[in-house]
Amino acid sequence: MVVELNLEDFTPEEIDNDELIFGGRFDLDSIDALEIVYQVEQNFGIPMKEMNEARAAFQSINTLAAFIEARLQG
């Protein structure tokens, strides 16, 4: 995520897995949200079509990972 969103001021080690993805210190916007949706679809084959589902998944790294794991397990 650090590379894909060009978070040049951060390393993966500096980001807590429970830290807010949006509304926190990363200054991400709706274009970044679209990039995350795209990356999830490209890297994991998981479409994110429901806005409420995506919003819940985008709370933190942990919630995004849990979303991906749940979809991969079917």
N, C-alpha and C. Protein backbone atom coordinates (compact mmCIF):
# COMPACT_ATOMS: atom_id res chain seq x y z
N MET A 1 0.82 -1.18 0.00
CA MET A 1 0.00 0.00 0.00
C MET A 1 0.87 1.25 0.00
N VAL A 2 1.97 1.22 0.71
CA VAL A 2 2.87 2.38 0.75
C VAL A 2 3.36 2.71 -0.65
N VAL A 3 3.74 1.69 -1.40
CA VAL A 3 4.26 1.90 -2.76
C VAL A 3 3.14 2.33 -3.70
N GLU A 4 2.04 1.59 -3.69
CA GLU A 4 0.94 1.85 -4.62
C GLU A 4 0.32 3.23 -4.44
N LEU A 5 0.27 3.73 -3.21
CA LEU A 5 -0.33 5.04 -2.95
C LEU A 5 0.70 6.15 -2.85
N ASN A 6 1.95 5.82 -3.15
CA ASN A 6 3.04 6.80 -3.12
C ASN A 6 3.14 7.52 -1.78
N LEU A 7 3.08 6.76 -0.71
CA LEU A 7 3.22 7.33 0.63
C LEU A 7 4.71 7.47 0.94
N GLU A 8 5.33 8.43 0.30
CA GLU A 8 6.78 8.60 0.35
C GLU A 8 7.33 8.92 1.74
N ASP A 9 6.51 9.48 2.59
CA ASP A 9 6.97 9.88 3.92
C ASP A 9 6.89 8.74 4.93
N PHE A 10 6.45 7.55 4.49
CA PHE A 10 6.24 6.44 5.41
C PHE A 10 6.89 5.17 4.89
N THR A 11 7.29 4.32 5.82
CA THR A 11 7.70 2.97 5.49
C THR A 11 6.64 2.03 6.06
N PRO A 12 6.53 0.83 5.54
CA PRO A 12 5.53 -0.09 6.10
C PRO A 12 5.69 -0.32 7.60
N GLU A 13 6.93 -0.32 8.07
CA GLU A 13 7.19 -0.53 9.49
C GLU A 13 6.68 0.60 10.37
N GLU A 14 6.50 1.78 9.81
CA GLU A 14 6.04 2.94 10.58
C GLU A 14 4.51 3.00 10.70
N ILE A 15 3.83 2.10 10.03
CA ILE A 15 2.37 2.13 10.02
C ILE A 15 1.84 1.01 10.90
N ASP A 16 1.07 1.40 11.90
CA ASP A 16 0.44 0.43 12.78
C ASP A 16 -0.74 -0.20 12.03
N ASN A 17 -0.91 -1.48 12.16
CA ASN A 17 -1.96 -2.19 11.43
C ASN A 17 -3.37 -1.79 11.84
N ASP A 18 -3.52 -1.13 12.99
CA ASP A 18 -4.84 -0.66 13.43
C ASP A 18 -5.03 0.84 13.18
N GLU A 19 -4.05 1.47 12.58
CA GLU A 19 -4.13 2.91 12.30
C GLU A 19 -5.16 3.18 11.19
N LEU A 20 -5.87 4.29 11.32
CA LEU A 20 -6.86 4.66 10.30
C LEU A 20 -6.19 4.87 8.95
N ILE A 21 -6.78 4.28 7.91
CA ILE A 21 -6.28 4.50 6.56
C ILE A 21 -6.73 5.86 6.06
N PHE A 22 -8.01 6.17 6.26
CA PHE A 22 -8.56 7.46 5.84
C PHE A 22 -8.92 8.27 7.08
N GLY A 23 -8.73 9.58 6.99
CA GLY A 23 -9.05 10.45 8.12
C GLY A 23 -7.94 10.53 9.14
N GLY A 24 -6.82 9.93 8.85
CA GLY A 24 -5.67 9.96 9.75
C GLY A 24 -4.53 10.77 9.16
N ARG A 25 -3.36 10.34 9.41
CA ARG A 25 -2.17 11.11 9.02
C ARG A 25 -1.71 10.92 7.58
N PHE A 26 -2.37 10.06 6.81
CA PHE A 26 -1.91 9.78 5.45
C PHE A 26 -2.42 10.73 4.39
N ASP A 27 -3.41 11.53 4.70
CA ASP A 27 -3.95 12.53 3.77
C ASP A 27 -4.41 11.89 2.46
N LEU A 28 -5.14 10.78 2.58
CA LEU A 28 -5.65 10.09 1.40
C LEU A 28 -7.02 10.63 1.02
N ASP A 29 -7.35 10.50 -0.27
CA ASP A 29 -8.63 11.02 -0.76
C ASP A 29 -9.37 9.94 -1.56
N SER A 30 -10.42 10.34 -2.24
CA SER A 30 -11.26 9.38 -2.97
C SER A 30 -10.51 8.71 -4.12
N ILE A 31 -9.57 9.38 -4.71
CA ILE A 31 -8.75 8.77 -5.77
C ILE A 31 -7.91 7.64 -5.17
N ASP A 32 -7.40 7.86 -3.97
CA ASP A 32 -6.64 6.80 -3.28
C ASP A 32 -7.55 5.61 -2.96
N ALA A 33 -8.78 5.87 -2.60
CA ALA A 33 -9.73 4.78 -2.33
C ALA A 33 -9.95 3.96 -3.58
N LEU A 34 -10.09 4.63 -4.72
CA LEU A 34 -10.24 3.91 -5.99
C LEU A 34 -9.00 3.07 -6.29
N GLU A 35 -7.84 3.59 -5.98
CA GLU A 35 -6.59 2.84 -6.19
C GLU A 35 -6.55 1.59 -5.32
N ILE A 36 -7.01 1.70 -4.08
CA ILE A 36 -7.05 0.53 -3.20
C ILE A 36 -8.02 -0.50 -3.75
N VAL A 37 -9.20 -0.06 -4.19
CA VAL A 37 -10.18 -0.97 -4.80
C VAL A 37 -9.54 -1.68 -5.99
N TYR A 38 -8.88 -0.92 -6.84
CA TYR A 38 -8.22 -1.49 -8.02
C TYR A 38 -7.17 -2.52 -7.62
N GLN A 39 -6.34 -2.18 -6.65
CA GLN A 39 -5.28 -3.10 -6.22
C GLN A 39 -5.84 -4.38 -5.60
N VAL A 40 -6.90 -4.27 -4.83
CA VAL A 40 -7.53 -5.46 -4.25
C VAL A 40 -8.05 -6.37 -5.37
N GLU A 41 -8.68 -5.75 -6.37
CA GLU A 41 -9.20 -6.53 -7.48
C GLU A 41 -8.07 -7.17 -8.30
N GLN A 42 -7.02 -6.40 -8.58
CA GLN A 42 -5.91 -6.90 -9.39
C GLN A 42 -5.08 -7.96 -8.67
N ASN A 43 -4.79 -7.73 -7.40
CA ASN A 43 -3.89 -8.63 -6.67
C ASN A 43 -4.59 -9.84 -6.07
N PHE A 44 -5.87 -9.72 -5.78
CA PHE A 44 -6.57 -10.81 -5.10
C PHE A 44 -7.80 -11.32 -5.85
N GLY A 45 -8.18 -10.63 -6.93
CA GLY A 45 -9.36 -11.04 -7.69
C GLY A 45 -10.66 -10.82 -6.96
N ILE A 46 -10.67 -9.86 -6.05
CA ILE A 46 -11.85 -9.60 -5.23
C ILE A 46 -12.46 -8.26 -5.62
N PRO A 47 -13.65 -8.29 -6.24
CA PRO A 47 -14.29 -7.01 -6.56
C PRO A 47 -14.89 -6.37 -5.31
N MET A 48 -14.85 -5.07 -5.27
CA MET A 48 -15.45 -4.31 -4.16
C MET A 48 -16.49 -3.39 -4.76
N LYS A 49 -17.72 -3.88 -4.85
CA LYS A 49 -18.78 -3.13 -5.51
C LYS A 49 -19.70 -2.40 -4.56
N GLU A 50 -19.80 -2.89 -3.33
CA GLU A 50 -20.69 -2.27 -2.34
C GLU A 50 -19.94 -1.20 -1.56
N MET A 51 -20.44 0.03 -1.58
CA MET A 51 -19.77 1.14 -0.91
C MET A 51 -19.67 0.91 0.59
N ASN A 52 -20.72 0.41 1.22
CA ASN A 52 -20.69 0.17 2.66
C ASN A 52 -19.66 -0.90 3.02
N GLU A 53 -19.57 -1.91 2.19
CA GLU A 53 -18.59 -2.98 2.40
C GLU A 53 -17.17 -2.43 2.29
N ALA A 54 -16.91 -1.63 1.27
CA ALA A 54 -15.59 -1.04 1.08
C ALA A 54 -15.25 -0.08 2.22
N ARG A 55 -16.22 0.73 2.61
CA ARG A 55 -15.98 1.69 3.69
C ARG A 55 -15.57 0.98 4.98
N ALA A 56 -16.24 -0.11 5.29
CA ALA A 56 -15.89 -0.88 6.49
C ALA A 56 -14.51 -1.51 6.36
N ALA A 57 -14.19 -2.01 5.18
CA ALA A 57 -12.89 -2.66 4.96
C ALA A 57 -11.75 -1.66 5.03
N PHE A 58 -12.00 -0.41 4.69
CA PHE A 58 -10.95 0.61 4.62
C PHE A 58 -10.65 1.28 5.95
N GLN A 59 -11.15 0.76 7.05
CA GLN A 59 -10.88 1.39 8.34
C GLN A 59 -9.40 1.34 8.72
N SER A 60 -8.77 0.20 8.51
CA SER A 60 -7.36 0.03 8.89
C SER A 60 -6.75 -1.08 8.04
N ILE A 61 -5.46 -1.29 8.17
CA ILE A 61 -4.80 -2.39 7.48
C ILE A 61 -5.41 -3.72 7.95
N ASN A 62 -5.65 -3.84 9.23
CA ASN A 62 -6.23 -5.08 9.76
C ASN A 62 -7.62 -5.35 9.21
N THR A 63 -8.47 -4.33 9.10
CA THR A 63 -9.82 -4.56 8.58
C THR A 63 -9.77 -4.87 7.09
N LEU A 64 -8.84 -4.27 6.36
CA LEU A 64 -8.69 -4.58 4.95
C LEU A 64 -8.18 -6.02 4.78
N ALA A 65 -7.21 -6.42 5.59
CA ALA A 65 -6.70 -7.79 5.53
C ALA A 65 -7.79 -8.80 5.88
N ALA A 66 -8.60 -8.50 6.88
CA ALA A 66 -9.69 -9.39 7.28
C ALA A 66 -10.72 -9.51 6.16
N PHE A 67 -11.03 -8.41 5.50
CA PHE A 67 -11.95 -8.42 4.37
C PHE A 67 -11.43 -9.33 3.27
N ILE A 68 -10.15 -9.17 2.92
CA ILE A 68 -9.54 -9.98 1.86
C ILE A 68 -9.53 -11.45 2.25
N GLU A 69 -9.12 -11.75 3.47
CA GLU A 69 -9.08 -13.14 3.94
C GLU A 69 -10.47 -13.79 3.90
N ALA A 70 -11.47 -13.05 4.33
CA ALA A 70 -12.84 -13.59 4.34
C ALA A 70 -13.32 -13.91 2.92
N ARG A 71 -13.01 -13.03 1.98
CA ARG A 71 -13.44 -13.25 0.59
C ARG A 71 -12.67 -14.40 -0.06
N LEU A 72 -11.40 -14.54 0.28
CA LEU A 72 -10.60 -15.62 -0.29
C LEU A 72 -11.04 -16.98 0.24
N GLN A 73 -11.54 -17.00 1.47
CA GLN A 73 -12.01 -18.25 2.05
C GLN A 73 -13.41 -18.63 1.58
N GLY A 74 -14.07 -17.64 0.96
CA GLY A 74 -15.36 -17.87 0.35
C GLY A 74 -16.49 -17.96 1.26
